[in-house]
Amino acid sequence: MNYAIIGFGEIGQALAKAFARSGIEVSVATTRDPESFASAAAAIGPGVIPKTLAEAVKADIVFLAVRYESHRDIAKALPTWKGKTIIDVTNTYGVSPDEQGGQPSSKVVAQAFTGASLVKGFNHLVAAVLGQDPAVHGGRRVVFLASDDEGAAAEIGALAENLGFAPVNLGKLEEGGALVHARDNTWGPLIFQDLFKKEP
């Protein structure tokens, strides 16, 4: 299993730090030349590998850590995403519901990534918090996951645990997923909630 993070802004770098802490190799890419962010990747850790977008999208599991408005451009990097799992880390605060056809934003993203399984996750924390070691306060920091594909949600839940987080599955995108979706100028009620699961 191999992993990639598309987008290397604050959220993308926070995710890369989680991989580096756990000793799991991850590719990172933007639409720019990898040389332009190679030093930032190297500063996080040797297992954070800058790649072109065309190279990075070959990964089995892809974190989509770009602006929501850019997701369709990223989706065009492959004719089909069959067999891959996309983790939608985007947020749509300030995006008109009309643009989403009344659907949760992750359903719109899923339609762009033809053939992929999609999990909404890792999007409810600000980058400065997401980038911290999740093992604190005698427990592990919670990340929320939502998906219409139970198998994909379980797969990403296992990855979240390997990265040191405590995954909480909220169920389907229309239901529990709505708790971590922004709609127009309203944040979902679980966004920014920094919660911890105590170790037994």
N, C-alpha and C. Protein backbone atom coordinates (compact mmCIF):
# COMPACT_ATOMS: atom_id res chain seq x y z
N MET A 1 0.85 -1.19 0.00
CA MET A 1 0.00 0.00 0.00
C MET A 1 0.89 1.24 0.00
N ASN A 2 0.61 2.17 -0.91
CA ASN A 2 1.38 3.41 -0.90
C ASN A 2 0.46 4.62 -0.85
N TYR A 3 1.03 5.75 -0.41
CA TYR A 3 0.23 6.90 -0.04
C TYR A 3 0.76 8.17 -0.70
N ALA A 4 -0.17 9.09 -0.96
CA ALA A 4 0.22 10.39 -1.50
C ALA A 4 -0.66 11.48 -0.90
N ILE A 5 -0.08 12.65 -0.77
CA ILE A 5 -0.81 13.84 -0.35
C ILE A 5 -0.75 14.82 -1.51
N ILE A 6 -1.91 15.19 -2.04
CA ILE A 6 -1.97 16.18 -3.12
C ILE A 6 -2.32 17.51 -2.47
N GLY A 7 -1.43 18.46 -2.61
CA GLY A 7 -1.56 19.74 -1.91
C GLY A 7 -0.52 19.79 -0.81
N PHE A 8 0.30 20.83 -0.82
CA PHE A 8 1.37 20.90 0.18
C PHE A 8 1.38 22.27 0.86
N GLY A 9 0.15 22.76 1.11
CA GLY A 9 0.00 23.95 1.94
C GLY A 9 0.06 23.55 3.40
N GLU A 10 -0.58 24.32 4.25
CA GLU A 10 -0.49 24.06 5.69
C GLU A 10 -1.08 22.70 6.06
N ILE A 11 -2.23 22.35 5.48
CA ILE A 11 -2.86 21.07 5.80
C ILE A 11 -2.04 19.91 5.24
N GLY A 12 -1.59 20.03 3.99
CA GLY A 12 -0.77 18.98 3.39
C GLY A 12 0.50 18.73 4.19
N GLN A 13 1.13 19.80 4.67
CA GLN A 13 2.34 19.63 5.47
C GLN A 13 2.04 19.03 6.84
N ALA A 14 0.89 19.38 7.41
CA ALA A 14 0.49 18.79 8.70
C ALA A 14 0.30 17.29 8.56
N LEU A 15 -0.33 16.87 7.45
CA LEU A 15 -0.50 15.44 7.20
C LEU A 15 0.84 14.76 6.99
N ALA A 16 1.74 15.42 6.26
CA ALA A 16 3.07 14.85 6.02
C ALA A 16 3.82 14.64 7.34
N LYS A 17 3.63 15.55 8.29
CA LYS A 17 4.28 15.40 9.60
C LYS A 17 3.78 14.15 10.32
N ALA A 18 2.49 13.85 10.16
CA ALA A 18 1.93 12.64 10.79
C ALA A 18 2.58 11.39 10.21
N PHE A 19 2.76 11.38 8.89
CA PHE A 19 3.43 10.24 8.25
C PHE A 19 4.88 10.14 8.72
N ALA A 20 5.57 11.28 8.78
CA ALA A 20 6.98 11.28 9.18
C ALA A 20 7.14 10.77 10.61
N ARG A 21 6.26 11.21 11.51
CA ARG A 21 6.33 10.75 12.91
C ARG A 21 6.16 9.25 13.00
N SER A 22 5.33 8.70 12.12
CA SER A 22 5.02 7.28 12.18
C SER A 22 5.97 6.42 11.36
N GLY A 23 6.90 7.08 10.66
CA GLY A 23 7.87 6.35 9.85
C GLY A 23 7.25 5.70 8.62
N ILE A 24 6.16 6.27 8.12
CA ILE A 24 5.49 5.75 6.92
C ILE A 24 5.81 6.67 5.74
N GLU A 25 6.32 6.10 4.66
CA GLU A 25 6.69 6.92 3.51
C GLU A 25 5.44 7.45 2.81
N VAL A 26 5.52 8.70 2.35
CA VAL A 26 4.39 9.31 1.64
C VAL A 26 4.92 10.22 0.53
N SER A 27 4.26 10.18 -0.61
CA SER A 27 4.58 11.11 -1.69
C SER A 27 3.80 12.40 -1.47
N VAL A 28 4.39 13.52 -1.85
CA VAL A 28 3.67 14.80 -1.79
C VAL A 28 3.78 15.47 -3.15
N ALA A 29 2.69 16.12 -3.55
CA ALA A 29 2.68 16.74 -4.87
C ALA A 29 1.76 17.95 -4.88
N THR A 30 2.05 18.85 -5.81
CA THR A 30 1.16 19.96 -6.11
C THR A 30 1.11 20.04 -7.64
N THR A 31 0.53 21.09 -8.15
CA THR A 31 0.56 21.27 -9.60
C THR A 31 1.88 21.92 -10.03
N ARG A 32 2.73 22.25 -9.06
CA ARG A 32 4.03 22.87 -9.36
C ARG A 32 5.12 21.81 -9.49
N ASP A 33 6.27 22.25 -9.97
CA ASP A 33 7.44 21.38 -10.07
C ASP A 33 7.86 20.95 -8.66
N PRO A 34 8.15 19.66 -8.46
CA PRO A 34 8.51 19.19 -7.10
C PRO A 34 9.75 19.87 -6.53
N GLU A 35 10.62 20.36 -7.39
CA GLU A 35 11.80 21.06 -6.88
C GLU A 35 11.42 22.29 -6.06
N SER A 36 10.26 22.87 -6.37
CA SER A 36 9.86 24.12 -5.71
C SER A 36 9.48 23.92 -4.25
N PHE A 37 9.17 22.67 -3.85
CA PHE A 37 8.85 22.43 -2.44
C PHE A 37 9.68 21.30 -1.85
N ALA A 38 10.76 20.93 -2.53
CA ALA A 38 11.61 19.83 -2.06
C ALA A 38 12.24 20.13 -0.71
N SER A 39 12.66 21.38 -0.49
CA SER A 39 13.32 21.70 0.78
C SER A 39 12.32 21.64 1.94
N ALA A 40 11.08 22.07 1.69
CA ALA A 40 10.06 22.01 2.74
C ALA A 40 9.75 20.56 3.08
N ALA A 41 9.71 19.69 2.07
CA ALA A 41 9.47 18.26 2.31
C ALA A 41 10.62 17.64 3.10
N ALA A 42 11.85 17.97 2.71
CA ALA A 42 13.03 17.42 3.39
C ALA A 42 13.07 17.85 4.85
N ALA A 43 12.58 19.07 5.14
CA ALA A 43 12.58 19.56 6.52
C ALA A 43 11.64 18.76 7.41
N ILE A 44 10.62 18.15 6.81
CA ILE A 44 9.67 17.34 7.59
C ILE A 44 10.25 15.96 7.87
N GLY A 45 10.88 15.37 6.86
CA GLY A 45 11.47 14.05 7.09
C GLY A 45 11.87 13.38 5.79
N PRO A 46 12.81 12.43 5.87
CA PRO A 46 13.31 11.78 4.66
C PRO A 46 12.28 10.90 3.95
N GLY A 47 11.23 10.52 4.65
CA GLY A 47 10.20 9.69 4.03
C GLY A 47 9.11 10.47 3.33
N VAL A 48 9.26 11.80 3.30
CA VAL A 48 8.30 12.67 2.61
C VAL A 48 8.91 12.99 1.24
N ILE A 49 8.36 12.36 0.19
CA ILE A 49 8.99 12.34 -1.12
C ILE A 49 8.28 13.26 -2.10
N PRO A 50 8.92 14.37 -2.54
CA PRO A 50 8.29 15.25 -3.52
C PRO A 50 8.18 14.56 -4.88
N LYS A 51 7.02 14.65 -5.50
CA LYS A 51 6.80 14.05 -6.81
C LYS A 51 5.95 14.98 -7.68
N THR A 52 5.94 14.68 -8.96
CA THR A 52 5.01 15.40 -9.83
C THR A 52 3.60 14.88 -9.54
N LEU A 53 2.61 15.66 -9.95
CA LEU A 53 1.22 15.23 -9.77
C LEU A 53 0.98 13.91 -10.49
N ALA A 54 1.51 13.78 -11.71
CA ALA A 54 1.31 12.56 -12.51
C ALA A 54 1.88 11.33 -11.80
N GLU A 55 3.00 11.51 -11.08
CA GLU A 55 3.60 10.39 -10.34
C GLU A 55 2.80 10.09 -9.06
N ALA A 56 2.41 11.14 -8.35
CA ALA A 56 1.78 10.96 -7.04
C ALA A 56 0.42 10.27 -7.15
N VAL A 57 -0.32 10.54 -8.22
CA VAL A 57 -1.66 9.97 -8.32
C VAL A 57 -1.64 8.46 -8.59
N LYS A 58 -0.46 7.90 -8.77
CA LYS A 58 -0.36 6.44 -8.91
C LYS A 58 -0.53 5.72 -7.57
N ALA A 59 -0.51 6.47 -6.47
CA ALA A 59 -0.62 5.86 -5.13
C ALA A 59 -1.98 5.19 -4.95
N ASP A 60 -2.03 4.22 -4.04
CA ASP A 60 -3.28 3.51 -3.74
C ASP A 60 -4.25 4.39 -2.96
N ILE A 61 -3.69 5.16 -2.02
CA ILE A 61 -4.50 6.03 -1.16
C ILE A 61 -4.01 7.46 -1.32
N VAL A 62 -4.93 8.35 -1.65
CA VAL A 62 -4.57 9.74 -1.98
C VAL A 62 -5.34 10.70 -1.08
N PHE A 63 -4.60 11.52 -0.33
CA PHE A 63 -5.21 12.60 0.46
C PHE A 63 -5.38 13.80 -0.45
N LEU A 64 -6.60 14.31 -0.53
CA LEU A 64 -6.89 15.48 -1.34
C LEU A 64 -6.90 16.70 -0.42
N ALA A 65 -5.74 17.38 -0.35
CA ALA A 65 -5.56 18.48 0.60
C ALA A 65 -5.38 19.79 -0.16
N VAL A 66 -6.27 20.01 -1.13
CA VAL A 66 -6.24 21.23 -1.94
C VAL A 66 -7.50 22.04 -1.65
N ARG A 67 -7.58 23.22 -2.23
CA ARG A 67 -8.83 23.99 -2.14
C ARG A 67 -9.94 23.20 -2.85
N TYR A 68 -11.13 23.25 -2.29
CA TYR A 68 -12.26 22.53 -2.89
C TYR A 68 -12.40 22.88 -4.37
N GLU A 69 -12.21 24.14 -4.69
CA GLU A 69 -12.39 24.59 -6.07
C GLU A 69 -11.42 23.92 -7.04
N SER A 70 -10.34 23.34 -6.53
CA SER A 70 -9.32 22.72 -7.38
C SER A 70 -9.52 21.23 -7.59
N HIS A 71 -10.54 20.63 -6.95
CA HIS A 71 -10.61 19.17 -6.96
C HIS A 71 -10.83 18.61 -8.36
N ARG A 72 -11.59 19.31 -9.19
CA ARG A 72 -11.85 18.77 -10.54
C ARG A 72 -10.57 18.78 -11.38
N ASP A 73 -9.73 19.79 -11.18
CA ASP A 73 -8.45 19.83 -11.92
C ASP A 73 -7.57 18.64 -11.54
N ILE A 74 -7.55 18.31 -10.25
CA ILE A 74 -6.76 17.15 -9.80
C ILE A 74 -7.34 15.86 -10.37
N ALA A 75 -8.66 15.77 -10.39
CA ALA A 75 -9.32 14.55 -10.88
C ALA A 75 -8.96 14.25 -12.33
N LYS A 76 -8.67 15.29 -13.09
CA LYS A 76 -8.33 15.11 -14.51
C LYS A 76 -6.96 14.47 -14.72
N ALA A 77 -6.20 14.32 -13.64
CA ALA A 77 -4.85 13.74 -13.77
C ALA A 77 -4.89 12.27 -14.18
N LEU A 78 -6.05 11.61 -13.97
CA LEU A 78 -6.20 10.20 -14.37
C LEU A 78 -7.54 10.03 -15.08
N PRO A 79 -7.60 9.16 -16.09
CA PRO A 79 -8.88 8.92 -16.75
C PRO A 79 -9.86 8.14 -15.87
N THR A 80 -9.33 7.31 -15.01
CA THR A 80 -10.16 6.60 -14.03
C THR A 80 -9.38 6.44 -12.73
N TRP A 81 -10.10 6.49 -11.62
CA TRP A 81 -9.48 6.34 -10.31
C TRP A 81 -9.88 5.00 -9.69
N LYS A 82 -10.31 4.08 -10.53
CA LYS A 82 -10.78 2.77 -10.06
C LYS A 82 -9.71 2.08 -9.21
N GLY A 83 -10.15 1.53 -8.07
CA GLY A 83 -9.24 0.81 -7.19
C GLY A 83 -8.52 1.69 -6.19
N LYS A 84 -8.70 3.02 -6.29
CA LYS A 84 -8.03 3.92 -5.36
C LYS A 84 -9.00 4.44 -4.30
N THR A 85 -8.44 4.87 -3.20
CA THR A 85 -9.24 5.51 -2.15
C THR A 85 -8.80 6.96 -2.02
N ILE A 86 -9.76 7.87 -2.11
CA ILE A 86 -9.52 9.30 -1.95
C ILE A 86 -9.96 9.71 -0.55
N ILE A 87 -9.10 10.41 0.17
CA ILE A 87 -9.49 10.99 1.46
C ILE A 87 -9.70 12.48 1.20
N ASP A 88 -10.95 12.90 1.31
CA ASP A 88 -11.32 14.28 1.02
C ASP A 88 -11.09 15.14 2.26
N VAL A 89 -10.03 15.95 2.20
CA VAL A 89 -9.68 16.82 3.33
C VAL A 89 -10.15 18.26 3.06
N THR A 90 -10.85 18.47 1.94
CA THR A 90 -11.24 19.82 1.57
C THR A 90 -12.35 20.35 2.48
N ASN A 91 -12.49 21.67 2.52
CA ASN A 91 -13.61 22.31 3.20
C ASN A 91 -14.26 23.30 2.24
N THR A 92 -15.56 23.54 2.45
CA THR A 92 -16.30 24.37 1.49
C THR A 92 -16.96 25.57 2.15
N TYR A 93 -16.35 26.07 3.22
CA TYR A 93 -16.89 27.28 3.84
C TYR A 93 -16.83 28.41 2.81
N GLY A 94 -17.95 29.09 2.64
CA GLY A 94 -17.99 30.19 1.67
C GLY A 94 -18.34 29.76 0.26
N VAL A 95 -18.50 28.45 0.03
CA VAL A 95 -18.90 27.95 -1.28
C VAL A 95 -20.42 27.85 -1.31
N SER A 96 -21.05 28.42 -2.31
CA SER A 96 -22.51 28.43 -2.40
C SER A 96 -23.05 27.00 -2.50
N PRO A 97 -24.13 26.69 -1.75
CA PRO A 97 -24.75 25.35 -1.86
C PRO A 97 -25.21 25.06 -3.29
N ASP A 98 -25.51 26.12 -4.05
CA ASP A 98 -25.93 25.91 -5.45
C ASP A 98 -24.85 25.20 -6.25
N GLU A 99 -23.58 25.51 -5.93
CA GLU A 99 -22.46 24.88 -6.65
C GLU A 99 -22.40 23.39 -6.37
N GLN A 100 -22.99 22.98 -5.25
CA GLN A 100 -22.94 21.57 -4.84
C GLN A 100 -24.25 20.85 -5.11
N GLY A 101 -25.19 21.55 -5.74
CA GLY A 101 -26.46 20.91 -6.08
C GLY A 101 -27.21 20.38 -4.88
N GLY A 102 -27.02 21.02 -3.73
CA GLY A 102 -27.69 20.58 -2.52
C GLY A 102 -27.10 19.34 -1.88
N GLN A 103 -26.01 18.82 -2.43
CA GLN A 103 -25.37 17.61 -1.90
C GLN A 103 -24.26 17.99 -0.92
N PRO A 104 -23.86 17.07 -0.04
CA PRO A 104 -22.63 17.30 0.73
C PRO A 104 -21.46 17.44 -0.26
N SER A 105 -20.53 18.29 0.07
CA SER A 105 -19.43 18.57 -0.87
C SER A 105 -18.66 17.30 -1.23
N SER A 106 -18.54 16.36 -0.30
CA SER A 106 -17.78 15.14 -0.59
C SER A 106 -18.46 14.29 -1.66
N LYS A 107 -19.78 14.36 -1.76
CA LYS A 107 -20.46 13.63 -2.83
C LYS A 107 -20.09 14.24 -4.19
N VAL A 108 -19.97 15.56 -4.23
CA VAL A 108 -19.56 16.23 -5.46
C VAL A 108 -18.13 15.82 -5.82
N VAL A 109 -17.25 15.80 -4.82
CA VAL A 109 -15.86 15.39 -5.04
C VAL A 109 -15.81 13.95 -5.53
N ALA A 110 -16.60 13.08 -4.91
CA ALA A 110 -16.61 11.66 -5.29
C ALA A 110 -16.99 11.49 -6.76
N GLN A 111 -17.92 12.31 -7.25
CA GLN A 111 -18.35 12.22 -8.64
C GLN A 111 -17.23 12.59 -9.60
N ALA A 112 -16.33 13.47 -9.18
CA ALA A 112 -15.21 13.88 -10.04
C ALA A 112 -14.16 12.78 -10.14
N PHE A 113 -13.97 12.02 -9.06
CA PHE A 113 -12.94 10.98 -9.03
C PHE A 113 -13.56 9.63 -9.41
N THR A 114 -13.81 9.49 -10.69
CA THR A 114 -14.55 8.35 -11.22
C THR A 114 -13.92 7.02 -10.81
N GLY A 115 -14.73 6.17 -10.18
CA GLY A 115 -14.27 4.83 -9.84
C GLY A 115 -13.63 4.70 -8.48
N ALA A 116 -13.27 5.80 -7.85
CA ALA A 116 -12.59 5.74 -6.55
C ALA A 116 -13.59 5.54 -5.41
N SER A 117 -13.09 5.00 -4.31
CA SER A 117 -13.83 5.05 -3.04
C SER A 117 -13.44 6.36 -2.36
N LEU A 118 -14.40 7.00 -1.69
CA LEU A 118 -14.09 8.29 -1.06
C LEU A 118 -14.44 8.27 0.42
N VAL A 119 -13.52 8.80 1.21
CA VAL A 119 -13.72 8.97 2.65
C VAL A 119 -13.49 10.43 2.99
N LYS A 120 -14.46 11.05 3.65
CA LYS A 120 -14.27 12.39 4.18
C LYS A 120 -13.52 12.26 5.50
N GLY A 121 -12.42 12.99 5.68
CA GLY A 121 -11.70 12.85 6.93
C GLY A 121 -10.54 13.80 7.07
N PHE A 122 -10.05 13.94 8.29
CA PHE A 122 -8.88 14.76 8.63
C PHE A 122 -9.11 16.24 8.32
N ASN A 123 -10.36 16.66 8.14
CA ASN A 123 -10.63 18.03 7.70
C ASN A 123 -11.16 18.93 8.82
N HIS A 124 -11.42 18.38 10.00
CA HIS A 124 -12.11 19.19 11.01
C HIS A 124 -11.16 19.97 11.92
N LEU A 125 -9.86 19.70 11.80
CA LEU A 125 -8.88 20.40 12.64
C LEU A 125 -8.09 21.42 11.83
N VAL A 126 -7.74 22.53 12.47
CA VAL A 126 -6.87 23.49 11.80
C VAL A 126 -5.48 22.87 11.67
N ALA A 127 -4.71 23.36 10.70
CA ALA A 127 -3.41 22.75 10.39
C ALA A 127 -2.48 22.71 11.60
N ALA A 128 -2.46 23.78 12.38
CA ALA A 128 -1.53 23.84 13.52
C ALA A 128 -1.82 22.73 14.53
N VAL A 129 -3.08 22.35 14.66
CA VAL A 129 -3.45 21.27 15.58
C VAL A 129 -3.23 19.90 14.93
N LEU A 130 -3.63 19.78 13.67
CA LEU A 130 -3.48 18.51 12.95
C LEU A 130 -2.01 18.10 12.87
N GLY A 131 -1.11 19.07 12.82
CA GLY A 131 0.31 18.78 12.69
C GLY A 131 1.00 18.36 13.99
N GLN A 132 0.29 18.49 15.11
CA GLN A 132 0.88 18.13 16.40
C GLN A 132 0.85 16.61 16.60
N ASP A 133 1.70 16.14 17.50
CA ASP A 133 1.68 14.72 17.89
C ASP A 133 0.29 14.44 18.48
N PRO A 134 -0.45 13.46 17.91
CA PRO A 134 -1.81 13.21 18.41
C PRO A 134 -1.87 12.46 19.74
N ALA A 135 -0.73 12.00 20.24
CA ALA A 135 -0.72 11.28 21.52
C ALA A 135 -0.48 12.25 22.66
N VAL A 136 -1.57 12.73 23.25
CA VAL A 136 -1.47 13.68 24.36
C VAL A 136 -2.61 13.45 25.34
N HIS A 137 -2.48 14.04 26.51
CA HIS A 137 -3.53 13.98 27.53
C HIS A 137 -3.90 12.54 27.89
N GLY A 138 -2.93 11.64 27.80
CA GLY A 138 -3.21 10.25 28.14
C GLY A 138 -4.12 9.55 27.15
N GLY A 139 -4.19 10.10 25.95
CA GLY A 139 -5.04 9.50 24.93
C GLY A 139 -4.56 9.90 23.54
N ARG A 140 -5.43 9.75 22.56
CA ARG A 140 -5.08 10.07 21.18
C ARG A 140 -6.10 11.03 20.59
N ARG A 141 -5.63 11.95 19.78
CA ARG A 141 -6.51 12.94 19.16
C ARG A 141 -7.46 12.26 18.17
N VAL A 142 -8.72 12.65 18.22
CA VAL A 142 -9.75 12.07 17.37
C VAL A 142 -9.71 12.69 15.97
N VAL A 143 -9.85 11.84 14.95
CA VAL A 143 -10.16 12.31 13.60
C VAL A 143 -11.48 11.66 13.19
N PHE A 144 -12.35 12.45 12.60
CA PHE A 144 -13.65 11.95 12.15
C PHE A 144 -13.56 11.48 10.71
N LEU A 145 -14.24 10.36 10.43
CA LEU A 145 -14.30 9.81 9.09
C LEU A 145 -15.77 9.59 8.72
N ALA A 146 -16.08 9.80 7.44
CA ALA A 146 -17.43 9.51 6.94
C ALA A 146 -17.29 9.00 5.52
N SER A 147 -18.10 8.00 5.18
CA SER A 147 -18.02 7.44 3.83
C SER A 147 -19.27 6.63 3.53
N ASP A 148 -19.62 6.57 2.25
CA ASP A 148 -20.70 5.68 1.83
C ASP A 148 -20.16 4.28 1.53
N ASP A 149 -18.85 4.10 1.69
CA ASP A 149 -18.19 2.82 1.44
C ASP A 149 -17.59 2.33 2.76
N GLU A 150 -18.25 1.35 3.39
CA GLU A 150 -17.82 0.89 4.71
C GLU A 150 -16.40 0.31 4.67
N GLY A 151 -16.07 -0.39 3.60
CA GLY A 151 -14.74 -0.98 3.49
C GLY A 151 -13.66 0.07 3.44
N ALA A 152 -13.91 1.14 2.67
CA ALA A 152 -12.94 2.23 2.57
C ALA A 152 -12.80 2.95 3.91
N ALA A 153 -13.92 3.15 4.60
CA ALA A 153 -13.87 3.81 5.91
C ALA A 153 -13.04 2.99 6.89
N ALA A 154 -13.19 1.65 6.86
CA ALA A 154 -12.40 0.79 7.74
C ALA A 154 -10.92 0.85 7.38
N GLU A 155 -10.62 0.88 6.09
CA GLU A 155 -9.24 0.96 5.62
C GLU A 155 -8.58 2.25 6.10
N ILE A 156 -9.29 3.37 5.97
CA ILE A 156 -8.71 4.65 6.38
C ILE A 156 -8.70 4.78 7.91
N GLY A 157 -9.63 4.11 8.57
CA GLY A 157 -9.59 4.07 10.03
C GLY A 157 -8.32 3.38 10.52
N ALA A 158 -7.95 2.29 9.85
CA ALA A 158 -6.72 1.59 10.22
C ALA A 158 -5.50 2.46 9.96
N LEU A 159 -5.51 3.20 8.84
CA LEU A 159 -4.40 4.11 8.54
C LEU A 159 -4.32 5.20 9.60
N ALA A 160 -5.47 5.77 9.97
CA ALA A 160 -5.48 6.82 11.00
C ALA A 160 -4.86 6.32 12.30
N GLU A 161 -5.17 5.07 12.67
CA GLU A 161 -4.58 4.50 13.88
C GLU A 161 -3.07 4.35 13.73
N ASN A 162 -2.63 3.92 12.55
CA ASN A 162 -1.19 3.80 12.30
C ASN A 162 -0.48 5.15 12.38
N LEU A 163 -1.21 6.21 12.08
CA LEU A 163 -0.65 7.56 12.16
C LEU A 163 -0.76 8.14 13.57
N GLY A 164 -1.32 7.36 14.49
CA GLY A 164 -1.38 7.78 15.89
C GLY A 164 -2.68 8.41 16.33
N PHE A 165 -3.67 8.51 15.43
CA PHE A 165 -4.94 9.14 15.77
C PHE A 165 -5.95 8.11 16.26
N ALA A 166 -7.05 8.61 16.81
CA ALA A 166 -8.18 7.77 17.20
C ALA A 166 -9.32 8.06 16.22
N PRO A 167 -9.55 7.17 15.25
CA PRO A 167 -10.61 7.43 14.27
C PRO A 167 -12.00 7.19 14.85
N VAL A 168 -12.92 8.07 14.48
CA VAL A 168 -14.33 7.91 14.86
C VAL A 168 -15.14 7.95 13.57
N ASN A 169 -15.81 6.84 13.27
CA ASN A 169 -16.59 6.73 12.04
C ASN A 169 -17.98 7.33 12.27
N LEU A 170 -18.30 8.35 11.50
CA LEU A 170 -19.59 9.03 11.66
C LEU A 170 -20.68 8.44 10.78
N GLY A 171 -20.31 7.46 9.94
CA GLY A 171 -21.32 6.86 9.06
C GLY A 171 -21.29 7.46 7.67
N LYS A 172 -22.43 7.49 7.04
CA LYS A 172 -22.50 7.93 5.64
C LYS A 172 -22.35 9.44 5.49
N LEU A 173 -22.03 9.86 4.27
CA LEU A 173 -21.77 11.28 4.01
C LEU A 173 -23.00 12.16 4.28
N GLU A 174 -24.18 11.68 3.91
CA GLU A 174 -25.40 12.48 4.08
C GLU A 174 -25.78 12.63 5.54
N GLU A 175 -25.36 11.67 6.38
CA GLU A 175 -25.81 11.65 7.76
C GLU A 175 -24.70 12.19 8.68
N GLY A 176 -23.89 11.29 9.22
CA GLY A 176 -22.81 11.73 10.11
C GLY A 176 -21.83 12.66 9.42
N GLY A 177 -21.63 12.45 8.12
CA GLY A 177 -20.70 13.30 7.38
C GLY A 177 -21.08 14.76 7.41
N ALA A 178 -22.39 15.04 7.52
CA ALA A 178 -22.85 16.43 7.56
C ALA A 178 -22.30 17.18 8.78
N LEU A 179 -21.90 16.43 9.81
CA LEU A 179 -21.37 17.07 11.02
C LEU A 179 -19.99 17.68 10.79
N VAL A 180 -19.29 17.23 9.74
CA VAL A 180 -17.96 17.77 9.47
C VAL A 180 -17.89 18.44 8.09
N HIS A 181 -19.06 18.80 7.57
CA HIS A 181 -19.12 19.54 6.31
C HIS A 181 -19.45 20.99 6.58
N ALA A 182 -18.82 21.87 5.82
CA ALA A 182 -19.25 23.26 5.83
C ALA A 182 -20.33 23.42 4.75
N ARG A 183 -21.30 24.23 5.04
CA ARG A 183 -22.34 24.56 4.05
C ARG A 183 -22.47 26.07 3.99
N ASP A 184 -22.17 26.63 2.82
CA ASP A 184 -22.23 28.07 2.62
C ASP A 184 -21.36 28.77 3.67
N ASN A 185 -21.96 29.52 4.59
CA ASN A 185 -21.17 30.22 5.61
C ASN A 185 -21.36 29.62 7.00
N THR A 186 -21.65 28.33 7.04
CA THR A 186 -21.87 27.63 8.31
C THR A 186 -20.96 26.42 8.39
N TRP A 187 -20.25 26.31 9.50
CA TRP A 187 -19.41 25.13 9.72
C TRP A 187 -20.25 24.02 10.36
N GLY A 188 -19.95 22.75 10.00
CA GLY A 188 -20.58 21.63 10.68
C GLY A 188 -20.24 21.65 12.16
N PRO A 189 -21.11 21.11 13.02
CA PRO A 189 -20.91 21.25 14.47
C PRO A 189 -19.67 20.57 15.03
N LEU A 190 -19.09 19.61 14.31
CA LEU A 190 -17.88 18.95 14.84
C LEU A 190 -16.59 19.57 14.31
N ILE A 191 -16.70 20.50 13.37
CA ILE A 191 -15.49 21.13 12.85
C ILE A 191 -14.87 21.99 13.96
N PHE A 192 -13.56 21.89 14.11
CA PHE A 192 -12.74 22.58 15.12
C PHE A 192 -12.83 21.96 16.51
N GLN A 193 -13.63 20.90 16.69
CA GLN A 193 -13.70 20.24 17.99
C GLN A 193 -12.46 19.37 18.18
N ASP A 194 -11.60 19.76 19.12
CA ASP A 194 -10.34 19.04 19.35
C ASP A 194 -10.56 18.05 20.49
N LEU A 195 -10.91 16.82 20.13
CA LEU A 195 -11.30 15.81 21.10
C LEU A 195 -10.24 14.72 21.22
N PHE A 196 -10.25 14.04 22.37
CA PHE A 196 -9.28 12.97 22.62
C PHE A 196 -9.99 11.72 23.11
N LYS A 197 -9.49 10.59 22.68
CA LYS A 197 -10.02 9.31 23.15
C LYS A 197 -9.02 8.75 24.14
N LYS A 198 -9.48 8.54 25.36
CA LYS A 198 -8.59 8.03 26.41
C LYS A 198 -8.20 6.59 26.11
N GLU A 199 -6.94 6.27 26.40
CA GLU A 199 -6.52 4.89 26.25
C GLU A 199 -7.15 4.05 27.36
N PRO A 200 -7.60 2.81 27.05
CA PRO A 200 -8.24 1.98 28.10
C PRO A 200 -7.24 1.61 29.18
